[in-house]
Amino acid sequence: MTSRRAINSFTEIATLRIDLRDSDPPIWRVIEVPTSITLKVLHDIVQAAMGWLDYHLWELVIDGQTYGLPMDDDWGTTPRKVASRTRMRDVLASGTTRIDYTYDFGDNWEHSLIVSDVRSGDPGTAYPRFIEGERDCPPEDCGGIIGFYEMLEARADPNHPDHTEITEWLDEYDPDELDVFPIQVALGRIAARRNAAAKRIIKPAND
């Protein structure tokens, strides 16, 4: 029989603020997330919320400990724990928890994750869910934060030698617009997987 404590832990949520470091003006999101998710699912949520395509390697650093995908060799980097084997609730500090998240070790997209306001979730609400945010995520493989702003400058300057090429490459990309619908759809898929798990966990305890 599933314990009441396990059920409460499963339905507990927190507020997650995601900021893309060194973006100016800021590129950010606020998401409500379950604390029962693994750190691998936290990665999935960040990818969905920001609009990344999950093409590259990534890692999370919490209180000096690195988490990521299982690897045969750390290749001289800091030893890591497997993100899919660690739940977010087990690494949260009292009050606010700061997490460093890096995506794509080539472009080196660094994010600041702030987890706060741990509380009981609404039983009738599907989590994770999008709350608010501003500005579109940079395109993949554009050279990191420096390359991103250099591309925007080149597109804005008709006299720049790369203006035509960059304009074609960026197509209709608008950094100031945020299309919320794809984020909601992607987070909804994650929530649907959790709901299926919730039925297996909670129903036996209520019988």
N, C-alpha and C. Protein backbone atom coordinates (compact mmCIF):
# COMPACT_ATOMS: atom_id res chain seq x y z
N MET A 1 0.85 -1.20 0.00
CA MET A 1 0.00 0.00 0.00
C MET A 1 0.88 1.25 0.00
N THR A 2 0.54 2.23 -0.82
CA THR A 2 1.32 3.45 -0.91
C THR A 2 1.03 4.34 0.28
N SER A 3 2.05 4.88 0.92
CA SER A 3 1.88 5.69 2.11
C SER A 3 1.36 7.08 1.77
N ARG A 4 0.69 7.70 2.78
CA ARG A 4 0.22 9.07 2.58
C ARG A 4 1.39 10.02 2.35
N ARG A 5 2.51 9.74 3.00
CA ARG A 5 3.69 10.59 2.82
C ARG A 5 4.16 10.56 1.37
N ALA A 6 4.15 9.38 0.75
CA ALA A 6 4.56 9.26 -0.65
C ALA A 6 3.62 10.04 -1.56
N ILE A 7 2.30 9.99 -1.25
CA ILE A 7 1.33 10.72 -2.06
C ILE A 7 1.56 12.21 -1.95
N ASN A 8 1.72 12.70 -0.71
CA ASN A 8 1.95 14.13 -0.50
C ASN A 8 3.22 14.59 -1.21
N SER A 9 4.25 13.74 -1.16
CA SER A 9 5.50 14.08 -1.82
C SER A 9 5.31 14.15 -3.33
N PHE A 10 4.49 13.27 -3.87
CA PHE A 10 4.26 13.24 -5.31
C PHE A 10 3.52 14.49 -5.77
N THR A 11 2.60 15.01 -4.92
CA THR A 11 1.79 16.15 -5.33
C THR A 11 2.39 17.50 -4.93
N GLU A 12 3.52 17.49 -4.24
CA GLU A 12 4.19 18.73 -3.85
C GLU A 12 4.78 19.43 -5.08
N ILE A 13 4.69 20.76 -5.11
CA ILE A 13 5.24 21.53 -6.23
C ILE A 13 6.13 22.65 -5.71
N ALA A 14 6.85 23.27 -6.64
CA ALA A 14 7.68 24.43 -6.33
C ALA A 14 7.67 25.37 -7.53
N THR A 15 8.08 26.59 -7.31
CA THR A 15 8.23 27.57 -8.40
C THR A 15 9.66 27.52 -8.91
N LEU A 16 9.80 27.37 -10.22
CA LEU A 16 11.11 27.31 -10.87
C LEU A 16 11.27 28.54 -11.76
N ARG A 17 12.28 29.34 -11.48
CA ARG A 17 12.63 30.49 -12.33
C ARG A 17 13.88 30.12 -13.13
N ILE A 18 13.81 30.26 -14.45
CA ILE A 18 14.91 29.94 -15.35
C ILE A 18 15.38 31.23 -16.02
N ASP A 19 16.67 31.54 -15.89
CA ASP A 19 17.25 32.70 -16.56
C ASP A 19 18.42 32.26 -17.43
N LEU A 20 18.43 32.69 -18.68
CA LEU A 20 19.58 32.46 -19.55
C LEU A 20 20.63 33.51 -19.20
N ARG A 21 21.75 33.06 -18.69
CA ARG A 21 22.76 34.00 -18.21
C ARG A 21 23.34 34.86 -19.33
N ASP A 22 23.60 36.11 -18.97
CA ASP A 22 24.21 37.11 -19.85
C ASP A 22 23.31 37.53 -21.00
N SER A 23 22.04 37.14 -20.98
CA SER A 23 21.12 37.62 -22.00
C SER A 23 20.68 39.04 -21.63
N ASP A 24 20.65 39.92 -22.63
CA ASP A 24 20.34 41.33 -22.39
C ASP A 24 19.63 41.89 -23.63
N PRO A 25 18.31 42.11 -23.54
CA PRO A 25 17.46 42.02 -22.36
C PRO A 25 17.26 40.57 -21.90
N PRO A 26 16.83 40.38 -20.65
CA PRO A 26 16.78 39.03 -20.08
C PRO A 26 15.83 38.09 -20.82
N ILE A 27 16.25 36.83 -20.93
CA ILE A 27 15.42 35.75 -21.45
C ILE A 27 15.13 34.83 -20.28
N TRP A 28 13.86 34.70 -19.90
CA TRP A 28 13.54 33.99 -18.67
C TRP A 28 12.17 33.31 -18.75
N ARG A 29 11.97 32.35 -17.83
CA ARG A 29 10.71 31.64 -17.71
C ARG A 29 10.42 31.38 -16.24
N VAL A 30 9.14 31.26 -15.90
CA VAL A 30 8.71 30.79 -14.58
C VAL A 30 7.77 29.61 -14.80
N ILE A 31 8.09 28.50 -14.16
CA ILE A 31 7.33 27.26 -14.31
C ILE A 31 7.00 26.72 -12.93
N GLU A 32 5.82 26.15 -12.77
CA GLU A 32 5.49 25.39 -11.56
C GLU A 32 5.83 23.93 -11.83
N VAL A 33 6.65 23.35 -10.97
CA VAL A 33 7.14 21.99 -11.20
C VAL A 33 6.89 21.11 -9.99
N PRO A 34 6.66 19.82 -10.22
CA PRO A 34 6.56 18.89 -9.10
C PRO A 34 7.95 18.64 -8.51
N THR A 35 8.04 18.54 -7.20
CA THR A 35 9.34 18.27 -6.59
C THR A 35 9.70 16.79 -6.65
N SER A 36 8.75 15.95 -7.06
CA SER A 36 9.01 14.52 -7.13
C SER A 36 9.73 14.10 -8.40
N ILE A 37 9.90 15.02 -9.35
CA ILE A 37 10.55 14.68 -10.61
C ILE A 37 12.03 14.37 -10.40
N THR A 38 12.59 13.58 -11.31
CA THR A 38 14.03 13.37 -11.28
C THR A 38 14.73 14.58 -11.89
N LEU A 39 16.02 14.67 -11.68
CA LEU A 39 16.77 15.78 -12.28
C LEU A 39 16.83 15.64 -13.80
N LYS A 40 16.69 14.42 -14.32
CA LYS A 40 16.60 14.25 -15.78
C LYS A 40 15.31 14.90 -16.29
N VAL A 41 14.21 14.73 -15.58
CA VAL A 41 12.96 15.38 -15.99
C VAL A 41 13.06 16.89 -15.81
N LEU A 42 13.79 17.35 -14.79
CA LEU A 42 14.03 18.78 -14.66
C LEU A 42 14.73 19.31 -15.91
N HIS A 43 15.70 18.57 -16.39
CA HIS A 43 16.36 18.94 -17.66
C HIS A 43 15.33 19.01 -18.79
N ASP A 44 14.45 18.02 -18.87
CA ASP A 44 13.42 18.01 -19.92
C ASP A 44 12.53 19.26 -19.82
N ILE A 45 12.21 19.65 -18.60
CA ILE A 45 11.35 20.81 -18.38
C ILE A 45 12.06 22.09 -18.82
N VAL A 46 13.34 22.23 -18.49
CA VAL A 46 14.09 23.41 -18.91
C VAL A 46 14.16 23.48 -20.43
N GLN A 47 14.43 22.34 -21.06
CA GLN A 47 14.47 22.31 -22.52
C GLN A 47 13.15 22.76 -23.13
N ALA A 48 12.04 22.23 -22.59
CA ALA A 48 10.72 22.57 -23.11
C ALA A 48 10.38 24.03 -22.87
N ALA A 49 10.69 24.52 -21.68
CA ALA A 49 10.34 25.89 -21.32
C ALA A 49 11.13 26.92 -22.11
N MET A 50 12.40 26.63 -22.34
CA MET A 50 13.25 27.58 -23.05
C MET A 50 13.08 27.49 -24.56
N GLY A 51 12.75 26.31 -25.05
CA GLY A 51 12.63 26.12 -26.49
C GLY A 51 13.85 25.48 -27.12
N TRP A 52 14.75 24.93 -26.31
CA TRP A 52 15.89 24.18 -26.85
C TRP A 52 15.39 22.87 -27.46
N LEU A 53 16.22 22.25 -28.27
CA LEU A 53 15.82 21.04 -29.00
C LEU A 53 16.50 19.78 -28.50
N ASP A 54 17.24 19.88 -27.40
CA ASP A 54 17.86 18.72 -26.76
C ASP A 54 18.80 17.97 -27.71
N TYR A 55 19.58 18.73 -28.47
CA TYR A 55 20.53 18.15 -29.41
C TYR A 55 21.88 17.81 -28.76
N HIS A 56 22.17 18.41 -27.61
CA HIS A 56 23.53 18.39 -27.08
C HIS A 56 23.59 17.89 -25.63
N LEU A 57 24.81 17.69 -25.16
CA LEU A 57 25.01 17.28 -23.78
C LEU A 57 24.67 18.42 -22.82
N TRP A 58 24.49 18.08 -21.57
CA TRP A 58 24.07 19.05 -20.56
C TRP A 58 24.51 18.56 -19.19
N GLU A 59 24.43 19.46 -18.21
CA GLU A 59 24.70 19.08 -16.84
C GLU A 59 24.06 20.07 -15.88
N LEU A 60 23.78 19.59 -14.68
CA LEU A 60 23.29 20.42 -13.59
C LEU A 60 24.30 20.37 -12.47
N VAL A 61 24.50 21.50 -11.80
CA VAL A 61 25.39 21.54 -10.64
C VAL A 61 24.60 22.10 -9.46
N ILE A 62 24.53 21.31 -8.40
CA ILE A 62 23.78 21.70 -7.21
C ILE A 62 24.69 21.53 -6.00
N ASP A 63 24.99 22.64 -5.33
CA ASP A 63 25.83 22.62 -4.14
C ASP A 63 27.15 21.90 -4.40
N GLY A 64 27.74 22.16 -5.57
CA GLY A 64 29.04 21.60 -5.92
C GLY A 64 29.01 20.22 -6.53
N GLN A 65 27.86 19.57 -6.55
CA GLN A 65 27.75 18.23 -7.13
C GLN A 65 27.17 18.32 -8.54
N THR A 66 27.82 17.63 -9.49
CA THR A 66 27.37 17.63 -10.88
C THR A 66 26.46 16.44 -11.15
N TYR A 67 25.40 16.67 -11.90
CA TYR A 67 24.45 15.63 -12.31
C TYR A 67 24.28 15.70 -13.82
N GLY A 68 24.13 14.52 -14.44
CA GLY A 68 23.93 14.50 -15.87
C GLY A 68 23.60 13.11 -16.36
N LEU A 69 23.85 12.86 -17.63
CA LEU A 69 23.61 11.55 -18.22
C LEU A 69 24.71 10.58 -17.78
N PRO A 70 24.40 9.29 -17.73
CA PRO A 70 25.45 8.32 -17.40
C PRO A 70 26.54 8.32 -18.46
N MET A 71 27.79 8.31 -18.03
CA MET A 71 28.92 8.33 -18.96
C MET A 71 29.93 7.26 -18.55
N ASP A 72 30.56 6.62 -19.54
CA ASP A 72 31.58 5.61 -19.25
C ASP A 72 32.83 6.23 -18.66
N ASP A 73 33.07 7.49 -19.00
CA ASP A 73 34.27 8.18 -18.54
C ASP A 73 33.93 9.64 -18.34
N ASP A 74 34.43 10.25 -17.26
CA ASP A 74 34.17 11.66 -17.01
C ASP A 74 35.05 12.58 -17.85
N TRP A 75 36.01 12.00 -18.58
CA TRP A 75 36.88 12.76 -19.47
C TRP A 75 37.53 13.94 -18.77
N GLY A 76 37.97 13.71 -17.55
CA GLY A 76 38.68 14.74 -16.82
C GLY A 76 37.80 15.80 -16.18
N THR A 77 36.47 15.68 -16.35
CA THR A 77 35.56 16.65 -15.74
C THR A 77 35.21 16.20 -14.32
N THR A 78 34.46 17.04 -13.62
CA THR A 78 34.04 16.71 -12.27
C THR A 78 33.17 15.46 -12.29
N PRO A 79 33.45 14.48 -11.42
CA PRO A 79 32.61 13.27 -11.38
C PRO A 79 31.14 13.63 -11.21
N ARG A 80 30.28 12.94 -11.94
CA ARG A 80 28.87 13.27 -11.93
C ARG A 80 28.02 12.13 -11.40
N LYS A 81 26.86 12.49 -10.88
CA LYS A 81 25.85 11.51 -10.52
C LYS A 81 24.82 11.45 -11.64
N VAL A 82 24.17 10.31 -11.76
CA VAL A 82 23.19 10.12 -12.83
C VAL A 82 21.91 10.87 -12.48
N ALA A 83 21.53 11.80 -13.35
CA ALA A 83 20.39 12.68 -13.06
C ALA A 83 19.08 11.92 -12.94
N SER A 84 18.94 10.82 -13.68
CA SER A 84 17.69 10.06 -13.65
C SER A 84 17.52 9.26 -12.35
N ARG A 85 18.54 9.23 -11.53
CA ARG A 85 18.46 8.48 -10.26
C ARG A 85 18.33 9.39 -9.04
N THR A 86 18.20 10.68 -9.28
CA THR A 86 18.10 11.64 -8.19
C THR A 86 16.84 12.47 -8.36
N ARG A 87 16.04 12.56 -7.31
CA ARG A 87 14.81 13.35 -7.37
C ARG A 87 15.07 14.76 -6.86
N MET A 88 14.37 15.72 -7.45
CA MET A 88 14.60 17.11 -7.12
C MET A 88 14.36 17.37 -5.64
N ARG A 89 13.34 16.74 -5.05
CA ARG A 89 13.02 16.99 -3.65
C ARG A 89 14.18 16.62 -2.73
N ASP A 90 15.05 15.70 -3.19
CA ASP A 90 16.15 15.22 -2.35
C ASP A 90 17.36 16.15 -2.38
N VAL A 91 17.35 17.15 -3.27
CA VAL A 91 18.49 18.07 -3.34
C VAL A 91 18.09 19.50 -3.01
N LEU A 92 16.83 19.70 -2.63
CA LEU A 92 16.36 21.04 -2.33
C LEU A 92 16.81 21.46 -0.94
N ALA A 93 17.29 22.69 -0.83
CA ALA A 93 17.64 23.25 0.47
C ALA A 93 16.40 23.91 1.07
N SER A 94 16.48 24.26 2.32
CA SER A 94 15.39 24.98 2.97
C SER A 94 15.30 26.39 2.38
N GLY A 95 14.12 26.79 1.98
CA GLY A 95 13.95 28.12 1.39
C GLY A 95 14.16 28.12 -0.11
N THR A 96 15.32 28.58 -0.56
CA THR A 96 15.60 28.71 -1.99
C THR A 96 16.80 27.86 -2.38
N THR A 97 16.69 27.18 -3.50
CA THR A 97 17.79 26.37 -4.02
C THR A 97 18.23 26.92 -5.37
N ARG A 98 19.54 27.14 -5.52
CA ARG A 98 20.10 27.63 -6.77
C ARG A 98 20.78 26.48 -7.51
N ILE A 99 20.48 26.36 -8.79
CA ILE A 99 21.01 25.29 -9.62
C ILE A 99 21.65 25.90 -10.86
N ASP A 100 22.86 25.45 -11.17
CA ASP A 100 23.52 25.86 -12.41
C ASP A 100 23.24 24.80 -13.47
N TYR A 101 22.72 25.24 -14.61
CA TYR A 101 22.40 24.31 -15.70
C TYR A 101 23.11 24.78 -16.96
N THR A 102 23.89 23.89 -17.55
CA THR A 102 24.60 24.20 -18.79
C THR A 102 24.13 23.27 -19.89
N TYR A 103 23.79 23.84 -21.04
CA TYR A 103 23.36 23.06 -22.20
C TYR A 103 24.29 23.35 -23.37
N ASP A 104 24.75 22.30 -24.03
CA ASP A 104 25.63 22.39 -25.20
C ASP A 104 27.00 22.92 -24.78
N PHE A 105 27.92 21.99 -24.54
CA PHE A 105 29.24 22.38 -24.06
C PHE A 105 30.07 23.11 -25.10
N GLY A 106 29.58 23.16 -26.36
CA GLY A 106 30.24 23.95 -27.39
C GLY A 106 29.80 25.40 -27.31
N ASP A 107 28.50 25.63 -27.47
CA ASP A 107 27.95 26.99 -27.36
C ASP A 107 27.91 27.45 -25.91
N ASN A 108 27.85 26.50 -24.97
CA ASN A 108 27.94 26.80 -23.54
C ASN A 108 26.82 27.74 -23.08
N TRP A 109 25.59 27.29 -23.26
CA TRP A 109 24.45 28.07 -22.79
C TRP A 109 24.29 27.84 -21.29
N GLU A 110 24.57 28.86 -20.50
CA GLU A 110 24.50 28.74 -19.05
C GLU A 110 23.19 29.35 -18.54
N HIS A 111 22.54 28.60 -17.66
CA HIS A 111 21.26 29.03 -17.09
C HIS A 111 21.36 29.05 -15.57
N SER A 112 20.65 29.97 -14.98
CA SER A 112 20.48 30.00 -13.54
C SER A 112 19.07 29.53 -13.21
N LEU A 113 18.96 28.47 -12.41
CA LEU A 113 17.66 27.95 -12.00
C LEU A 113 17.46 28.26 -10.51
N ILE A 114 16.36 28.88 -10.18
CA ILE A 114 16.04 29.20 -8.79
C ILE A 114 14.75 28.45 -8.44
N VAL A 115 14.84 27.56 -7.45
CA VAL A 115 13.68 26.80 -6.99
C VAL A 115 13.25 27.37 -5.64
N SER A 116 11.97 27.74 -5.52
CA SER A 116 11.49 28.36 -4.30
C SER A 116 10.02 28.00 -4.07
N ASP A 117 9.50 28.42 -2.92
CA ASP A 117 8.08 28.30 -2.60
C ASP A 117 7.57 26.87 -2.76
N VAL A 118 8.19 25.94 -2.06
CA VAL A 118 7.72 24.55 -2.06
C VAL A 118 6.40 24.49 -1.31
N ARG A 119 5.41 23.83 -1.92
CA ARG A 119 4.06 23.83 -1.35
C ARG A 119 3.25 22.68 -1.93
N SER A 120 2.03 22.53 -1.41
CA SER A 120 1.13 21.51 -1.95
C SER A 120 0.56 21.98 -3.27
N GLY A 121 0.48 21.09 -4.23
CA GLY A 121 -0.09 21.43 -5.52
C GLY A 121 -1.60 21.30 -5.52
N ASP A 122 -2.23 21.84 -6.54
CA ASP A 122 -3.67 21.72 -6.73
C ASP A 122 -3.96 20.36 -7.37
N PRO A 123 -4.74 19.51 -6.71
CA PRO A 123 -5.00 18.17 -7.26
C PRO A 123 -5.61 18.20 -8.65
N GLY A 124 -6.31 19.28 -9.01
CA GLY A 124 -6.94 19.35 -10.31
C GLY A 124 -6.09 19.99 -11.39
N THR A 125 -4.84 20.33 -11.06
CA THR A 125 -3.95 20.99 -12.01
C THR A 125 -2.84 20.05 -12.46
N ALA A 126 -2.54 20.07 -13.75
CA ALA A 126 -1.46 19.24 -14.29
C ALA A 126 -0.15 20.01 -14.21
N TYR A 127 0.86 19.38 -13.65
CA TYR A 127 2.20 19.97 -13.55
C TYR A 127 3.19 19.09 -14.28
N PRO A 128 4.24 19.73 -14.86
CA PRO A 128 4.62 21.14 -14.81
C PRO A 128 3.71 22.01 -15.66
N ARG A 129 3.66 23.29 -15.31
CA ARG A 129 2.88 24.22 -16.13
C ARG A 129 3.58 25.57 -16.23
N PHE A 130 3.41 26.18 -17.38
CA PHE A 130 4.01 27.49 -17.68
C PHE A 130 3.24 28.59 -16.96
N ILE A 131 3.98 29.52 -16.33
CA ILE A 131 3.35 30.64 -15.64
C ILE A 131 3.60 31.94 -16.41
N GLU A 132 4.86 32.26 -16.68
CA GLU A 132 5.17 33.48 -17.43
C GLU A 132 6.60 33.41 -17.95
N GLY A 133 6.93 34.35 -18.81
CA GLY A 133 8.28 34.42 -19.36
C GLY A 133 8.37 35.54 -20.36
N GLU A 134 9.59 35.79 -20.83
CA GLU A 134 9.81 36.84 -21.83
C GLU A 134 10.90 36.44 -22.81
N ARG A 135 10.66 36.73 -24.05
CA ARG A 135 11.60 36.63 -25.17
C ARG A 135 11.89 35.18 -25.58
N ASP A 136 12.15 35.07 -26.87
CA ASP A 136 12.40 33.75 -27.45
C ASP A 136 13.81 33.27 -27.13
N CYS A 137 13.95 31.97 -27.09
CA CYS A 137 15.26 31.35 -26.88
C CYS A 137 16.12 31.56 -28.13
N PRO A 138 17.43 31.71 -27.99
CA PRO A 138 18.29 31.81 -29.18
C PRO A 138 18.20 30.54 -30.03
N PRO A 139 18.50 30.63 -31.31
CA PRO A 139 18.54 29.42 -32.15
C PRO A 139 19.67 28.49 -31.71
N GLU A 140 19.49 27.21 -31.94
CA GLU A 140 20.55 26.24 -31.66
C GLU A 140 21.77 26.53 -32.55
N ASP A 141 22.94 26.20 -32.02
CA ASP A 141 24.20 26.21 -32.78
C ASP A 141 24.51 27.57 -33.41
N CYS A 142 24.24 28.65 -32.67
CA CYS A 142 24.53 29.98 -33.21
C CYS A 142 25.77 30.59 -32.58
N GLY A 143 26.54 29.81 -31.82
CA GLY A 143 27.80 30.32 -31.29
C GLY A 143 27.75 30.83 -29.87
N GLY A 144 26.73 30.40 -29.11
CA GLY A 144 26.64 30.84 -27.73
C GLY A 144 26.11 32.25 -27.61
N ILE A 145 26.13 32.77 -26.39
CA ILE A 145 25.52 34.07 -26.13
C ILE A 145 26.20 35.18 -26.92
N ILE A 146 27.54 35.12 -27.06
CA ILE A 146 28.25 36.15 -27.84
C ILE A 146 27.90 36.05 -29.32
N GLY A 147 27.95 34.83 -29.85
CA GLY A 147 27.60 34.63 -31.25
C GLY A 147 26.17 35.02 -31.56
N PHE A 148 25.28 34.77 -30.62
CA PHE A 148 23.87 35.12 -30.79
C PHE A 148 23.69 36.62 -31.01
N TYR A 149 24.30 37.41 -30.14
CA TYR A 149 24.13 38.86 -30.28
C TYR A 149 24.90 39.42 -31.47
N GLU A 150 26.00 38.79 -31.84
CA GLU A 150 26.71 39.20 -33.06
C GLU A 150 25.85 38.96 -34.29
N MET A 151 25.11 37.84 -34.29
CA MET A 151 24.23 37.55 -35.42
C MET A 151 23.09 38.57 -35.51
N LEU A 152 22.53 38.95 -34.36
CA LEU A 152 21.46 39.93 -34.37
C LEU A 152 21.98 41.28 -34.88
N GLU A 153 23.20 41.64 -34.49
CA GLU A 153 23.79 42.89 -34.96
C GLU A 153 24.03 42.85 -36.47
N ALA A 154 24.50 41.70 -36.95
CA ALA A 154 24.75 41.57 -38.39
C ALA A 154 23.46 41.68 -39.18
N ARG A 155 22.40 41.08 -38.68
CA ARG A 155 21.11 41.16 -39.38
C ARG A 155 20.57 42.59 -39.39
N ALA A 156 20.81 43.32 -38.31
CA ALA A 156 20.29 44.69 -38.22
C ALA A 156 21.09 45.70 -39.04
N ASP A 157 22.27 45.29 -39.50
CA ASP A 157 23.16 46.22 -40.22
C ASP A 157 23.27 45.79 -41.69
N PRO A 158 22.59 46.47 -42.60
CA PRO A 158 22.65 46.10 -44.02
C PRO A 158 24.05 46.16 -44.60
N ASN A 159 24.96 46.90 -43.96
CA ASN A 159 26.32 47.03 -44.46
C ASN A 159 27.27 45.98 -43.90
N HIS A 160 26.78 45.16 -43.02
CA HIS A 160 27.63 44.11 -42.45
C HIS A 160 27.92 43.07 -43.53
N PRO A 161 29.17 42.59 -43.62
CA PRO A 161 29.51 41.63 -44.69
C PRO A 161 28.71 40.32 -44.62
N ASP A 162 28.22 39.97 -43.44
CA ASP A 162 27.45 38.72 -43.30
C ASP A 162 25.94 38.97 -43.23
N HIS A 163 25.52 40.16 -43.53
CA HIS A 163 24.10 40.52 -43.35
C HIS A 163 23.17 39.58 -44.12
N THR A 164 23.41 39.39 -45.39
CA THR A 164 22.51 38.57 -46.20
C THR A 164 22.46 37.13 -45.72
N GLU A 165 23.64 36.56 -45.46
CA GLU A 165 23.70 35.16 -45.01
C GLU A 165 22.99 34.99 -43.67
N ILE A 166 23.26 35.89 -42.73
CA ILE A 166 22.66 35.78 -41.41
C ILE A 166 21.15 35.99 -41.48
N THR A 167 20.72 36.94 -42.30
CA THR A 167 19.28 37.19 -42.44
C THR A 167 18.57 35.96 -42.96
N GLU A 168 19.16 35.27 -43.92
CA GLU A 168 18.56 34.04 -44.44
C GLU A 168 18.58 32.94 -43.40
N TRP A 169 19.68 32.85 -42.63
CA TRP A 169 19.80 31.78 -41.63
C TRP A 169 18.79 31.96 -40.50
N LEU A 170 18.60 33.21 -40.05
CA LEU A 170 17.66 33.47 -38.96
C LEU A 170 16.22 33.45 -39.44
N ASP A 171 16.02 33.59 -40.74
CA ASP A 171 14.69 33.55 -41.34
C ASP A 171 13.79 34.58 -40.64
N GLU A 172 12.67 34.17 -40.04
CA GLU A 172 11.74 35.10 -39.41
C GLU A 172 11.90 35.13 -37.89
N TYR A 173 13.01 34.65 -37.39
CA TYR A 173 13.24 34.63 -35.95
C TYR A 173 13.15 36.04 -35.35
N ASP A 174 12.36 36.18 -34.28
CA ASP A 174 12.21 37.45 -33.58
C ASP A 174 12.54 37.22 -32.11
N PRO A 175 13.67 37.75 -31.62
CA PRO A 175 14.07 37.48 -30.23
C PRO A 175 13.13 38.07 -29.20
N ASP A 176 12.32 39.05 -29.59
CA ASP A 176 11.44 39.72 -28.63
C ASP A 176 10.08 39.05 -28.49
N GLU A 177 9.79 38.09 -29.34
CA GLU A 177 8.49 37.42 -29.29
C GLU A 177 8.63 36.06 -28.61
N LEU A 178 7.66 35.73 -27.78
CA LEU A 178 7.61 34.43 -27.12
C LEU A 178 6.30 33.75 -27.46
N ASP A 179 6.39 32.64 -28.18
CA ASP A 179 5.21 31.85 -28.51
C ASP A 179 5.01 30.84 -27.38
N VAL A 180 4.00 31.07 -26.58
CA VAL A 180 3.77 30.25 -25.40
C VAL A 180 3.20 28.87 -25.75
N PHE A 181 2.48 28.76 -26.85
CA PHE A 181 1.76 27.52 -27.16
C PHE A 181 2.69 26.30 -27.25
N PRO A 182 3.82 26.35 -27.99
CA PRO A 182 4.69 25.16 -28.03
C PRO A 182 5.22 24.78 -26.65
N ILE A 183 5.45 25.77 -25.80
CA ILE A 183 5.91 25.48 -24.44
C ILE A 183 4.83 24.74 -23.67
N GLN A 184 3.60 25.21 -23.78
CA GLN A 184 2.49 24.56 -23.08
C GLN A 184 2.28 23.12 -23.57
N VAL A 185 2.42 22.92 -24.87
CA VAL A 185 2.26 21.57 -25.42
C VAL A 185 3.36 20.64 -24.90
N ALA A 186 4.61 21.11 -24.95
CA ALA A 186 5.74 20.28 -24.50
C ALA A 186 5.63 19.96 -23.01
N LEU A 187 5.28 20.96 -22.20
CA LEU A 187 5.12 20.71 -20.77
C LEU A 187 3.91 19.81 -20.52
N GLY A 188 2.89 19.94 -21.34
CA GLY A 188 1.71 19.08 -21.21
C GLY A 188 2.04 17.61 -21.43
N ARG A 189 2.96 17.33 -22.35
CA ARG A 189 3.37 15.94 -22.58
C ARG A 189 4.06 15.38 -21.33
N ILE A 190 4.89 16.20 -20.70
CA ILE A 190 5.57 15.76 -19.48
C ILE A 190 4.54 15.55 -18.37
N ALA A 191 3.57 16.45 -18.26
CA ALA A 191 2.53 16.33 -17.25
C ALA A 191 1.69 15.07 -17.47
N ALA A 192 1.43 14.74 -18.73
CA ALA A 192 0.63 13.54 -19.03
C ALA A 192 1.34 12.28 -18.57
N ARG A 193 2.65 12.23 -18.74
CA ARG A 193 3.40 11.06 -18.27
C ARG A 193 3.31 10.96 -16.75
N ARG A 194 3.37 12.11 -16.06
CA ARG A 194 3.27 12.11 -14.60
C ARG A 194 1.87 11.68 -14.15
N ASN A 195 0.84 12.13 -14.86
CA ASN A 195 -0.52 11.77 -14.49
C ASN A 195 -0.73 10.26 -14.58
N ALA A 196 -0.14 9.65 -15.60
CA ALA A 196 -0.24 8.20 -15.73
C ALA A 196 0.42 7.52 -14.55
N ALA A 197 1.57 8.05 -14.11
CA ALA A 197 2.26 7.48 -12.94
C ALA A 197 1.45 7.73 -11.68
N ALA A 198 0.80 8.91 -11.59
CA ALA A 198 0.02 9.24 -10.40
C ALA A 198 -1.13 8.26 -10.19
N LYS A 199 -1.74 7.83 -11.28
CA LYS A 199 -2.84 6.87 -11.17
C LYS A 199 -2.36 5.56 -10.57
N ARG A 200 -1.14 5.17 -10.91
CA ARG A 200 -0.60 3.92 -10.36
C ARG A 200 -0.24 4.08 -8.89
N ILE A 201 0.20 5.30 -8.50
CA ILE A 201 0.67 5.52 -7.13
C ILE A 201 -0.46 5.81 -6.16
N ILE A 202 -1.37 6.69 -6.58
CA ILE A 202 -2.38 7.19 -5.66
C ILE A 202 -3.61 6.29 -5.54
N LYS A 203 -4.04 5.70 -6.63
CA LYS A 203 -5.27 4.92 -6.59
C LYS A 203 -5.24 3.78 -5.58
N PRO A 204 -4.14 2.98 -5.52
CA PRO A 204 -4.14 1.89 -4.53
C PRO A 204 -4.27 2.41 -3.11
N ALA A 205 -3.72 3.60 -2.83
CA ALA A 205 -3.75 4.14 -1.46
C ALA A 205 -5.14 4.59 -1.08
N ASN A 206 -5.99 4.87 -2.07
CA ASN A 206 -7.33 5.35 -1.78
C ASN A 206 -8.35 4.23 -1.75
N ASP A 207 -7.94 3.03 -2.12
CA ASP A 207 -8.87 1.89 -2.14
C ASP A 207 -9.19 1.43 -0.72
